[in-house]
Amino acid sequence: MRTRLFLVVATLWLVAALVPGAALAEEPRVAWRAWDEGLAEAKASGRPVLVDVYTDWCGWCRRMDRDVYGRADVREYLQKHYVTVKLDAESPRPASYRGRRQTQQSIAADFGVTGYPTTLFLKPTGEHLVKAPGYLPPERFLLILRYVAEGHFEKGVSFDAFSKSPR
């Protein structure tokens, strides 16, 4: 009787441990690219670049990954309209920008990134459009994604006016 109870409990524990892990493994993720690869893809595809500037120790960066980039509607919009790039603001790994070989850390500094996370938006050519510092809640983030991807920023429409317009 004790052996049977032990086997039942062990089986239930094993199933409980495996099922959530399997569900997480199948969950789609944002297709992040390295800096050089992402900029080359953007130039070839004509899509703007979204750069997630992060650090390994940043709790708000992890929250942004989980709560914002983890949402299906955000992932789908990004996949359709942007080339997505991750940039470690403290990394000495080499990357190229504007024909100059430098570190990821120096690229982040060149964009004036001083807090994390920071989202950079670049034209398909790699030219800087706008910087959005800090954690952004999912609904606001989607609004910013639309504002940039649909060209409102470049047309001179203020974000305030865009956010108040009916959709």
Foldseek 3Di string as FASTA:
>chain_A
DVVVVVVVVVVVVVCVVPVVVVVVVPQDFAPADEQAVLLVVLLVVQAKEKEWEAAPVDPLSVVCRCQARSDPVNSVLCVVGYRYYYQHLPFQDWDDDPRDIGGSVVVCVVVVDDAPGKIWIAGSNRHTQDIRDDRDGRVVVVLVSCCVRVCVSVVVNDSVNSVPDDD
